[in-house]
Amino acid sequence: MPYRMPAEWEPHEGTWMAWPHNLSHWPGKFEPIPKVYAQIIRALTQSEPVFLCVNDAEAEREARRCFEEGGVTLGAVEFVHIPTNASWSRDHGPMFVRTPEGWAVLDWDYNGNGDKWKPYDLDDAVPTKVAELLELPVLIPGVVLEGGSIDVNGKGTLLTTESCLLNPNRNPRLNREQIEGYLREYIGVTNILWLKEGIAGDDTDGHIDDLARFVNPTTVVCPLTQDTADADYAILQQNYRDLQKMRDQDKRPLTVVPLPTPTPVVYKNERLPASYANFYIANTVVLVPTFNCPQDAQALAILQRFFPNRRVIGIDCVDLVWGFGTLHCSTQQQPAMGN
């Protein structure tokens, strides 16, 4: 394991985000989105700095106006002029790994979730630009991979899905064994756990951050529904059964804890990928998407149990999820590099 990607709950220097600007990602519903981002950033800056990519000076002025109205502490936000096509920093943003020589930035190829969202040239360039800014070396595997498609426990185990990483719209020339080789080499994992597929409405082909998340090295939370009429019933039940059979890097069984599923969020007759698993773990807070339904309180309470030293904060994501993502999709952690 020459490289190591820290778990999300390990200390951060800050969180990378990108200011929303692409109207086509929230067609007909963009107006509330900057205010939602301001709420996210207001909550995050209670915990750590936010490094915010903005496309230009006008975008920075717009963000500053929104932050002043939303009560965001401007001194905790560092504006970085790195242009993006989209604001899903989890997927195109920098991933950080510790190498024998020190910290480095992983720059995987990015192709707009399997060539679904064009253009994506600016997004694809973000990690290298961040590395240049931080004066860190860049590692370029030459393989398509989004940050939301993997989750690690920091001890050698990685969770992912077959429907995303084995999809021919990512790396058609690579088979499962070859993809595992890249994950082992560049992320430093020894144990790769595969679930089958994602939830209804997910345009990513099944990112793991809507399906199953580590909350400590041996415990995974995953959405589960008992409603047999729900479109996600069968796959969530299958994921839960599969996780119960899985082992960590030391051959120990995982502790698998069900999360509720929210009441389905439907907009313009389209089922959206609403999931409480799309939470984000910061230094002193955990941000959890909520959807204005009774299950919100139960999801918050479950996650609070696993993070007793962090404050769990719900963020209303009913509008945000129209862009097919919520909190984890919008954030990317920068580890504390003194560690």
Protein backbone atom coordinates (compact mmCIF):
# COMPACT_ATOMS: atom_id res chain seq x y z
CA MET A 1 0.00 0.00 0.00
CA PRO A 2 2.34 2.79 -1.18
CA TYR A 3 -0.57 5.24 -1.31
CA ARG A 4 -3.39 5.86 1.16
CA MET A 5 -6.62 7.80 0.81
CA PRO A 6 -7.87 8.89 4.25
CA ALA A 7 -11.42 8.17 5.35
CA GLU A 8 -13.76 11.14 5.22
CA TRP A 9 -13.97 11.40 9.02
CA GLU A 10 -10.22 11.93 9.35
CA PRO A 11 -9.12 15.56 9.92
CA HIS A 12 -9.60 18.06 7.09
CA GLU A 13 -7.80 21.23 6.16
CA GLY A 14 -11.00 22.28 4.44
CA THR A 15 -13.66 21.42 1.89
CA TRP A 16 -13.58 22.09 -1.86
CA MET A 17 -16.79 23.22 -3.54
CA ALA A 18 -17.76 24.96 -6.80
CA TRP A 19 -20.26 27.78 -7.06
CA PRO A 20 -23.38 26.70 -9.03
CA HIS A 21 -23.91 28.42 -12.35
CA ASN A 22 -25.11 25.86 -14.89
CA LEU A 23 -28.82 26.52 -15.40
CA SER A 24 -29.23 23.34 -17.46
CA HIS A 25 -28.52 21.22 -14.38
CA TRP A 26 -31.63 22.62 -12.64
CA PRO A 27 -33.88 23.49 -15.59
CA GLY A 28 -36.68 25.79 -14.51
CA LYS A 29 -35.59 25.62 -10.86
CA PHE A 30 -32.19 27.29 -10.64
CA GLU A 31 -33.25 30.34 -8.61
CA PRO A 32 -33.16 28.67 -5.14
CA ILE A 33 -29.91 26.77 -5.76
CA PRO A 34 -27.38 29.49 -4.80
CA LYS A 35 -29.28 29.96 -1.53
CA VAL A 36 -29.01 26.22 -0.81
CA TYR A 37 -25.27 26.39 -1.43
CA ALA A 38 -25.06 29.34 0.94
CA GLN A 39 -26.78 27.22 3.62
CA ILE A 40 -24.33 24.38 3.04
CA ILE A 41 -21.33 26.69 3.21
CA ARG A 42 -22.68 28.48 6.28
CA ALA A 43 -22.90 25.12 8.07
CA LEU A 44 -19.49 23.95 6.83
CA THR A 45 -17.65 27.09 7.88
CA GLN A 46 -18.63 26.35 11.48
CA SER A 47 -16.30 23.38 11.06
CA GLU A 48 -13.57 24.25 8.57
CA PRO A 49 -12.62 26.57 5.71
CA VAL A 50 -14.33 26.23 2.33
CA PHE A 51 -12.27 26.54 -0.85
CA LEU A 52 -14.79 27.73 -3.42
CA CYS A 53 -14.14 27.49 -7.15
CA VAL A 54 -15.73 30.37 -9.06
CA ASN A 55 -15.68 30.89 -12.81
CA ASP A 56 -14.79 34.59 -12.79
CA ALA A 57 -14.96 37.86 -10.87
CA GLU A 58 -18.69 38.26 -11.50
CA ALA A 59 -19.38 34.79 -10.07
CA GLU A 60 -17.35 35.70 -6.99
CA ARG A 61 -19.35 38.91 -6.54
CA GLU A 62 -22.60 36.96 -6.87
CA ALA A 63 -21.46 34.41 -4.29
CA ARG A 64 -20.37 37.15 -1.88
CA ARG A 65 -23.77 38.84 -2.17
CA CYS A 66 -25.51 35.54 -1.50
CA PHE A 67 -23.27 34.83 1.49
CA GLU A 68 -23.89 38.23 3.03
CA GLU A 69 -27.65 37.67 2.74
CA GLY A 70 -27.30 34.13 4.10
CA GLY A 71 -25.11 34.96 7.08
CA VAL A 72 -21.98 33.16 5.84
CA THR A 73 -18.70 34.19 7.48
CA LEU A 74 -16.80 35.45 4.44
CA GLY A 75 -13.45 35.12 6.20
CA ALA A 76 -13.89 31.33 6.25
CA VAL A 77 -14.34 31.12 2.46
CA GLU A 78 -11.38 31.20 0.09
CA PHE A 79 -12.46 32.13 -3.44
CA VAL A 80 -10.43 30.30 -6.08
CA HIS A 81 -10.76 31.30 -9.72
CA ILE A 82 -10.92 27.83 -11.28
CA PRO A 83 -13.73 27.59 -13.86
CA THR A 84 -16.07 24.59 -13.92
CA ASN A 85 -18.85 23.24 -16.12
CA ALA A 86 -20.78 21.97 -13.10
CA SER A 87 -20.71 22.27 -9.33
CA TRP A 88 -20.45 18.58 -8.43
CA SER A 89 -17.03 18.78 -6.77
CA ARG A 90 -17.20 15.22 -5.43
CA ASP A 91 -16.98 13.85 -8.93
CA HIS A 92 -14.58 16.14 -10.74
CA GLY A 93 -12.71 17.70 -7.81
CA PRO A 94 -9.29 16.80 -6.40
CA MET A 95 -8.79 13.55 -4.52
CA PHE A 96 -5.87 13.53 -2.13
CA VAL A 97 -3.63 10.57 -1.31
CA ARG A 98 -0.65 10.19 0.97
CA THR A 99 2.38 8.73 -0.82
CA PRO A 100 5.79 7.74 0.56
CA GLU A 101 7.07 11.13 -0.63
CA GLY A 102 4.17 13.15 0.84
CA TRP A 103 0.74 14.28 -0.32
CA ALA A 104 -0.37 14.20 -3.95
CA VAL A 105 -3.50 14.96 -5.97
CA LEU A 106 -5.18 12.23 -7.99
CA ASP A 107 -6.43 13.46 -11.35
CA TRP A 108 -8.70 10.78 -12.74
CA ASP A 109 -10.25 11.35 -16.15
CA TYR A 110 -13.77 12.79 -15.97
CA ASN A 111 -16.33 12.34 -18.76
CA GLY A 112 -19.56 13.82 -17.40
CA ASN A 113 -20.94 10.64 -15.81
CA GLY A 114 -20.51 8.49 -18.85
CA ASP A 115 -20.75 11.29 -21.44
CA LYS A 116 -24.21 12.34 -20.23
CA TRP A 117 -23.40 15.96 -19.35
CA LYS A 118 -21.52 18.04 -21.91
CA PRO A 119 -19.27 19.92 -22.00
CA TYR A 120 -17.03 18.68 -19.19
CA ASP A 121 -13.61 19.91 -20.29
CA LEU A 122 -13.35 22.50 -17.51
CA ASP A 123 -14.38 19.98 -14.86
CA ASP A 124 -11.82 17.49 -16.12
CA ALA A 125 -9.05 20.05 -15.59
CA VAL A 126 -9.93 20.96 -11.98
CA PRO A 127 -7.71 18.52 -10.02
CA THR A 128 -4.52 19.50 -11.81
CA LYS A 129 -5.29 23.20 -11.34
CA VAL A 130 -5.86 22.61 -7.62
CA ALA A 131 -2.59 20.70 -7.42
CA GLU A 132 -0.76 23.59 -9.09
CA LEU A 133 -2.31 26.01 -6.61
CA LEU A 134 -1.28 23.87 -3.65
CA GLU A 135 2.11 23.04 -5.20
CA LEU A 136 1.46 19.32 -4.93
CA PRO A 137 2.45 16.59 -7.39
CA VAL A 138 -0.24 15.20 -9.67
CA LEU A 139 -0.88 11.50 -10.25
CA ILE A 140 -2.73 10.76 -13.51
CA PRO A 141 -4.02 7.17 -13.74
CA GLY A 142 -5.56 7.74 -17.20
CA VAL A 143 -8.81 6.06 -16.13
CA VAL A 144 -12.31 7.54 -15.79
CA LEU A 145 -13.50 7.62 -12.18
CA GLU A 146 -15.77 9.96 -10.19
CA GLY A 147 -15.33 10.56 -6.47
CA GLY A 148 -18.94 9.66 -5.74
CA SER A 149 -18.40 6.17 -7.13
CA ILE A 150 -16.10 5.07 -4.28
CA ASP A 151 -16.07 5.16 -0.48
CA VAL A 152 -13.12 4.12 1.70
CA ASN A 153 -12.69 3.25 5.37
CA GLY A 154 -9.09 4.47 5.49
CA LYS A 155 -7.85 1.01 6.50
CA GLY A 156 -7.72 -0.70 3.13
CA THR A 157 -11.35 -1.34 2.15
CA LEU A 158 -13.23 0.36 -0.68
CA LEU A 159 -16.93 0.20 -1.58
CA THR A 160 -18.18 0.69 -5.14
CA THR A 161 -20.76 -0.58 -7.66
CA GLU A 162 -20.62 -2.76 -10.73
CA SER A 163 -23.20 -0.64 -12.55
CA CYS A 164 -20.91 2.40 -12.45
CA LEU A 165 -17.28 1.29 -12.53
CA LEU A 166 -17.88 -1.60 -14.92
CA ASN A 167 -20.10 0.47 -17.20
CA PRO A 168 -18.72 0.61 -20.77
CA ASN A 169 -19.48 4.35 -20.85
CA ARG A 170 -16.50 4.87 -18.52
CA ASN A 171 -13.64 2.52 -19.38
CA PRO A 172 -14.78 0.19 -22.16
CA ARG A 173 -11.33 -1.40 -22.59
CA LEU A 174 -10.92 -2.34 -18.94
CA ASN A 175 -12.34 -5.38 -17.20
CA ARG A 176 -13.10 -5.75 -13.50
CA GLU A 177 -9.67 -7.11 -12.61
CA GLN A 178 -7.92 -4.23 -14.38
CA ILE A 179 -10.10 -1.60 -12.70
CA GLU A 180 -9.39 -3.19 -9.34
CA GLY A 181 -5.70 -2.93 -10.18
CA TYR A 182 -5.99 0.84 -10.62
CA LEU A 183 -7.92 1.19 -7.36
CA ARG A 184 -5.29 -0.81 -5.48
CA GLU A 185 -2.39 1.07 -7.04
CA TYR A 186 -3.64 4.65 -6.74
CA ILE A 187 -5.92 4.59 -3.69
CA GLY A 188 -3.93 2.05 -1.73
CA VAL A 189 -6.75 -0.36 -0.92
CA THR A 190 -6.40 -4.11 -0.52
CA ASN A 191 -10.07 -5.07 -0.25
CA ILE A 192 -12.67 -4.01 -2.85
CA LEU A 193 -16.36 -4.62 -2.18
CA TRP A 194 -18.80 -4.48 -5.09
CA LEU A 195 -22.53 -3.77 -4.85
CA LYS A 196 -24.61 -4.26 -7.95
CA GLU A 197 -26.47 -1.09 -8.91
CA GLY A 198 -27.92 2.24 -7.85
CA ILE A 199 -31.26 3.80 -7.04
CA ALA A 200 -34.01 5.06 -9.35
CA GLY A 201 -33.37 8.46 -10.89
CA ASP A 202 -29.60 8.28 -10.43
CA ASP A 203 -27.93 9.67 -13.56
CA THR A 204 -24.50 8.45 -12.40
CA ASP A 205 -25.24 4.76 -13.12
CA GLY A 206 -25.10 3.96 -9.41
CA HIS A 207 -22.72 6.05 -7.34
CA ILE A 208 -21.99 4.43 -4.01
CA ASP A 209 -22.60 7.69 -2.11
CA ASP A 210 -26.34 7.19 -2.53
CA LEU A 211 -26.19 3.51 -1.53
CA ALA A 212 -23.72 2.62 1.21
CA ARG A 213 -21.32 4.68 3.32
CA PHE A 214 -18.73 3.93 5.94
CA VAL A 215 -19.31 5.77 9.22
CA ASN A 216 -16.31 4.13 10.91
CA PRO A 217 -13.81 1.50 9.75
CA THR A 218 -16.15 -1.43 10.40
CA THR A 219 -19.66 0.02 10.03
CA VAL A 220 -21.65 0.80 6.88
CA VAL A 221 -25.00 2.56 6.75
CA CYS A 222 -27.27 1.88 3.80
CA PRO A 223 -30.78 2.92 2.75
CA LEU A 224 -33.45 0.26 3.11
CA THR A 225 -37.18 0.33 2.47
CA GLN A 226 -39.89 -2.14 3.45
CA ASP A 227 -42.29 -0.74 0.83
CA THR A 228 -42.51 -3.49 -1.74
CA ALA A 229 -44.15 -1.09 -4.19
CA ASP A 230 -41.16 1.27 -4.16
CA ALA A 231 -39.02 1.22 -7.32
CA ASP A 232 -35.91 0.88 -5.14
CA TYR A 233 -37.20 -1.95 -2.94
CA ALA A 234 -35.51 -4.89 -4.68
CA ILE A 235 -32.07 -3.35 -5.19
CA LEU A 236 -31.89 -1.89 -1.67
CA GLN A 237 -32.83 -5.25 -0.17
CA GLN A 238 -30.19 -6.92 -2.36
CA ASN A 239 -27.54 -4.40 -1.30
CA TYR A 240 -28.38 -4.95 2.36
CA ARG A 241 -28.09 -8.74 2.01
CA ASP A 242 -24.83 -8.44 0.08
CA LEU A 243 -23.29 -6.08 2.64
CA GLN A 244 -24.12 -8.49 5.45
CA LYS A 245 -22.00 -11.12 3.72
CA MET A 246 -19.04 -8.82 3.11
CA ARG A 247 -15.82 -8.59 5.14
CA ASP A 248 -13.35 -5.81 5.80
CA GLN A 249 -9.63 -5.93 4.98
CA ASP A 250 -9.02 -8.05 8.10
CA LYS A 251 -11.73 -10.57 7.15
CA ARG A 252 -14.10 -9.30 9.84
CA PRO A 253 -17.82 -8.96 9.01
CA LEU A 254 -19.12 -5.47 8.50
CA THR A 255 -21.72 -4.01 10.84
CA VAL A 256 -24.55 -2.99 8.51
CA VAL A 257 -27.04 -0.39 9.75
CA PRO A 258 -30.16 0.47 7.75
CA LEU A 259 -31.02 4.07 6.99
CA PRO A 260 -34.59 5.02 6.12
CA THR A 261 -35.45 6.15 2.62
CA PRO A 262 -37.21 9.47 2.17
CA THR A 263 -40.65 9.79 0.66
CA PRO A 264 -39.95 9.70 -3.10
CA VAL A 265 -39.07 13.12 -4.51
CA VAL A 266 -40.70 13.59 -7.90
CA TYR A 267 -40.40 16.73 -10.03
CA LYS A 268 -41.85 17.13 -13.51
CA ASN A 269 -42.90 13.46 -13.36
CA GLU A 270 -39.30 12.37 -12.79
CA ARG A 271 -38.14 10.32 -9.78
CA LEU A 272 -35.06 11.97 -8.30
CA PRO A 273 -32.18 10.24 -6.45
CA ALA A 274 -33.05 11.39 -2.93
CA SER A 275 -30.95 9.52 -0.37
CA TYR A 276 -29.87 10.15 3.20
CA ALA A 277 -26.62 8.32 2.36
CA ASN A 278 -25.45 11.43 0.51
CA PHE A 279 -24.27 13.00 3.78
CA TYR A 280 -20.90 14.76 4.20
CA ILE A 281 -18.58 14.34 7.20
CA ALA A 282 -16.67 17.50 8.13
CA ASN A 283 -14.39 18.11 11.13
CA THR A 284 -17.07 19.03 13.65
CA VAL A 285 -20.34 18.68 11.73
CA VAL A 286 -22.08 16.09 9.55
CA LEU A 287 -24.35 17.56 6.90
CA VAL A 288 -27.31 15.36 5.97
CA PRO A 289 -29.75 15.96 3.10
CA THR A 290 -33.38 16.23 4.20
CA PHE A 291 -36.51 16.09 2.08
CA ASN A 292 -39.38 17.54 4.15
CA CYS A 293 -40.78 14.17 5.18
CA PRO A 294 -41.20 12.25 8.47
CA GLN A 295 -38.17 10.04 7.80
CA ASP A 296 -35.81 13.04 8.03
CA ALA A 297 -35.73 12.98 11.84
CA GLN A 298 -35.04 9.25 11.96
CA ALA A 299 -32.12 9.54 9.52
CA LEU A 300 -30.59 12.42 11.48
CA ALA A 301 -30.91 10.49 14.76
CA ILE A 302 -29.25 7.37 13.33
CA LEU A 303 -26.29 9.30 11.97
CA GLN A 304 -25.92 11.29 15.19
CA ARG A 305 -25.33 8.00 17.04
CA PHE A 306 -22.25 7.33 14.96
CA PHE A 307 -20.83 10.84 15.24
CA PRO A 308 -21.26 11.76 18.91
CA ASN A 309 -18.51 14.39 18.74
CA ARG A 310 -19.94 16.09 15.66
CA ARG A 311 -23.16 18.03 15.26
CA VAL A 312 -25.48 16.47 12.68
CA ILE A 313 -27.19 19.19 10.65
CA GLY A 314 -30.01 18.65 8.19
CA ILE A 315 -30.00 20.69 4.97
CA ASP A 316 -33.22 20.90 2.93
CA CYS A 317 -32.28 19.38 -0.44
CA VAL A 318 -35.69 19.12 -2.13
CA ASP A 319 -34.63 21.78 -4.65
CA LEU A 320 -30.98 20.72 -4.91
CA VAL A 321 -31.78 17.11 -5.83
CA TRP A 322 -33.44 18.30 -9.06
CA GLY A 323 -29.82 18.52 -10.26
CA PHE A 324 -29.48 14.76 -9.49
CA GLY A 325 -27.20 15.27 -6.51
CA THR A 326 -27.14 16.71 -3.00
CA LEU A 327 -24.53 17.29 -0.25
CA HIS A 328 -21.84 14.67 -0.77
CA CYS A 329 -21.97 15.31 -4.50
CA SER A 330 -21.24 19.01 -3.86
CA THR A 331 -18.22 18.58 -1.58
CA GLN A 332 -14.70 17.17 -1.65
CA GLN A 333 -12.50 17.09 1.43
CA GLN A 334 -8.87 18.17 1.61
CA PRO A 335 -7.15 16.13 4.33
CA ALA A 336 -5.08 17.73 7.03
CA MET A 337 -1.69 17.46 5.42
CA GLY A 338 0.24 17.58 8.64
CA ASN A 339 -1.03 14.04 9.28
